[in-house]
Amino acid sequence: MDSHQNIDPNPELHVDTDWKNQAQAEKEKLAAKVGDSAQPTTASADEGPSMPTIAPSFEIIVEQFAAQALMAMGAIPQPGGQKKVDVGLARFFIDSLAVLEDKTKGNLTASEQRALLTALTDLRMTYVNVLKAAKK
């Protein structure tokens, strides 16, 4: 007897949603205990990938530009772990922060101003060091 004769060529897919409902109920109970602000947001398959809940702030914007500049200077690895130096791109991000500094002058808190000034100073020093190393 051939074993292939017992295989259904059009099998039906049965989805057990009970475990999904139970997991969702447990998640909601945990969220109620901890508080929704500590829980990352979730997205359905239709909404795309989920992102953690982080309140946007000026400091985060500065950190994002600084990280991009450092990545372009090879100071931190790019996604995938490779380090590639692109001084033109690094200069773009540093100059973008300088524009941000100019356009927000007089409108920042002391903490925001300190974060921006520190980032610009550190990035400019790193940029000069990268240029010196490239000349050697």
Protein backbone atom coordinates (compact mmCIF):
# COMPACT_ATOMS: atom_id res chain seq x y z
CA MET A 1 0.00 0.00 0.00
CA ASP A 2 1.36 3.44 -0.96
CA SER A 3 1.65 5.90 1.95
CA HIS A 4 0.99 8.86 -0.35
CA GLN A 5 -2.60 7.76 -0.85
CA ASN A 6 -3.48 8.75 2.75
CA ILE A 7 -2.32 12.39 2.43
CA ASP A 8 -5.04 14.95 1.85
CA PRO A 9 -3.90 17.20 -1.05
CA ASN A 10 -6.05 20.10 0.24
CA PRO A 11 -5.69 20.12 4.02
CA GLU A 12 -7.73 22.59 6.03
CA LEU A 13 -6.00 25.01 8.37
CA HIS A 14 -7.49 25.08 11.86
CA VAL A 15 -6.49 28.08 13.98
CA ASP A 16 -6.86 27.74 17.72
CA THR A 17 -7.65 31.23 18.98
CA ASP A 18 -8.19 30.23 22.62
CA TRP A 19 -4.50 30.59 23.46
CA LYS A 20 -4.42 34.00 21.75
CA ASN A 21 -7.36 35.19 23.84
CA GLN A 22 -5.75 33.87 27.03
CA ALA A 23 -2.43 35.57 26.22
CA GLN A 24 -4.21 38.86 25.52
CA ALA A 25 -6.13 38.64 28.82
CA GLU A 26 -2.89 37.97 30.74
CA LYS A 27 -1.22 40.89 28.99
CA GLU A 28 -4.08 43.20 29.92
CA LYS A 29 -3.94 42.08 33.57
CA LEU A 30 -0.20 42.74 33.66
CA ALA A 31 -0.65 46.14 32.03
CA ALA A 32 -3.24 47.06 34.65
CA LYS A 33 -0.83 46.12 37.46
CA VAL A 34 2.22 47.88 36.03
CA GLY A 35 0.50 50.76 34.29
CA ASP A 36 0.13 51.38 30.58
CA SER A 37 2.97 53.93 30.43
CA ALA A 38 5.57 51.26 31.18
CA GLN A 39 4.25 48.88 28.52
CA PRO A 40 5.37 49.13 24.91
CA THR A 41 2.65 49.72 22.40
CA THR A 42 1.70 46.84 20.19
CA ALA A 43 0.53 46.85 16.64
CA SER A 44 -1.49 44.31 14.76
CA ALA A 45 -0.15 42.79 11.59
CA ASP A 46 -2.13 45.40 9.65
CA GLU A 47 -0.51 48.33 11.48
CA GLY A 48 3.12 47.34 10.89
CA PRO A 49 5.88 46.88 13.47
CA SER A 50 5.31 48.02 17.02
CA MET A 51 7.40 50.73 18.60
CA PRO A 52 8.08 51.25 22.29
CA THR A 53 6.23 54.11 23.89
CA ILE A 54 8.76 56.90 24.31
CA ALA A 55 7.75 60.48 24.76
CA PRO A 56 9.39 62.58 22.05
CA SER A 57 11.70 65.24 23.40
CA PHE A 58 14.28 67.68 22.19
CA GLU A 59 17.03 65.63 23.85
CA ILE A 60 15.97 62.52 21.92
CA ILE A 61 16.12 64.44 18.65
CA VAL A 62 19.64 65.62 19.52
CA GLU A 63 20.64 62.06 20.45
CA GLN A 64 19.31 60.72 17.15
CA PHE A 65 21.30 63.21 15.09
CA ALA A 66 24.39 62.60 17.23
CA ALA A 67 24.10 58.83 16.82
CA GLN A 68 23.79 59.20 13.05
CA ALA A 69 26.87 61.43 12.96
CA LEU A 70 28.86 58.99 15.11
CA MET A 71 27.77 56.12 12.91
CA ALA A 72 28.89 58.03 9.81
CA MET A 73 32.28 58.64 11.45
CA GLY A 74 32.70 54.95 12.27
CA ALA A 75 32.61 55.62 16.02
CA ILE A 76 29.66 53.26 16.47
CA PRO A 77 28.80 50.33 14.22
CA GLN A 78 26.04 50.57 11.66
CA PRO A 79 23.22 48.04 11.64
CA GLY A 80 24.80 44.75 10.71
CA GLY A 81 27.92 45.53 12.75
CA GLN A 82 30.01 47.16 10.06
CA LYS A 83 31.88 50.42 10.56
CA LYS A 84 32.03 52.67 7.53
CA VAL A 85 33.36 56.21 7.50
CA ASP A 86 31.49 58.81 5.47
CA VAL A 87 32.77 62.23 6.56
CA GLY A 88 30.36 64.03 4.22
CA LEU A 89 27.38 62.38 5.88
CA ALA A 90 28.84 63.02 9.33
CA ARG A 91 29.26 66.68 8.44
CA PHE A 92 25.63 66.82 7.31
CA PHE A 93 24.36 65.59 10.69
CA ILE A 94 26.69 67.89 12.64
CA ASP A 95 25.64 70.86 10.50
CA SER A 96 21.99 69.88 10.99
CA LEU A 97 22.48 70.08 14.75
CA ALA A 98 24.14 73.48 14.29
CA VAL A 99 21.07 74.67 12.36
CA LEU A 100 18.88 73.34 15.15
CA GLU A 101 21.01 75.26 17.66
CA ASP A 102 20.69 78.46 15.65
CA LYS A 103 16.94 78.15 15.09
CA THR A 104 16.14 77.32 18.73
CA LYS A 105 18.38 79.93 20.34
CA GLY A 106 16.59 81.45 23.31
CA ASN A 107 13.82 78.84 23.27
CA LEU A 108 15.49 75.91 25.04
CA THR A 109 15.55 74.88 28.66
CA ALA A 110 18.93 74.75 30.37
CA SER A 111 18.93 70.96 30.06
CA GLU A 112 18.10 71.06 26.35
CA GLN A 113 20.74 73.71 25.68
CA ARG A 114 23.36 71.70 27.59
CA ALA A 115 22.49 68.50 25.67
CA LEU A 116 22.79 70.28 22.33
CA LEU A 117 26.03 72.09 23.20
CA THR A 118 27.62 68.92 24.60
CA ALA A 119 26.63 66.90 21.53
CA LEU A 120 27.94 69.53 19.12
CA THR A 121 31.23 69.93 20.98
CA ASP A 122 31.84 66.18 21.20
CA LEU A 123 30.85 65.58 17.58
CA ARG A 124 33.05 68.38 16.27
CA MET A 125 36.05 67.08 18.21
CA THR A 126 35.43 63.54 16.93
CA TYR A 127 35.04 64.87 13.39
CA VAL A 128 38.42 66.63 13.55
CA ASN A 129 40.05 63.45 14.90
CA VAL A 130 38.50 61.37 12.12
CA LEU A 131 39.79 63.81 9.50
CA LYS A 132 43.29 63.71 11.05
CA ALA A 133 43.25 59.90 11.08
CA ALA A 134 42.12 59.81 7.44
CA LYS A 135 45.06 61.98 6.38
CA LYS A 136 47.57 59.56 7.96
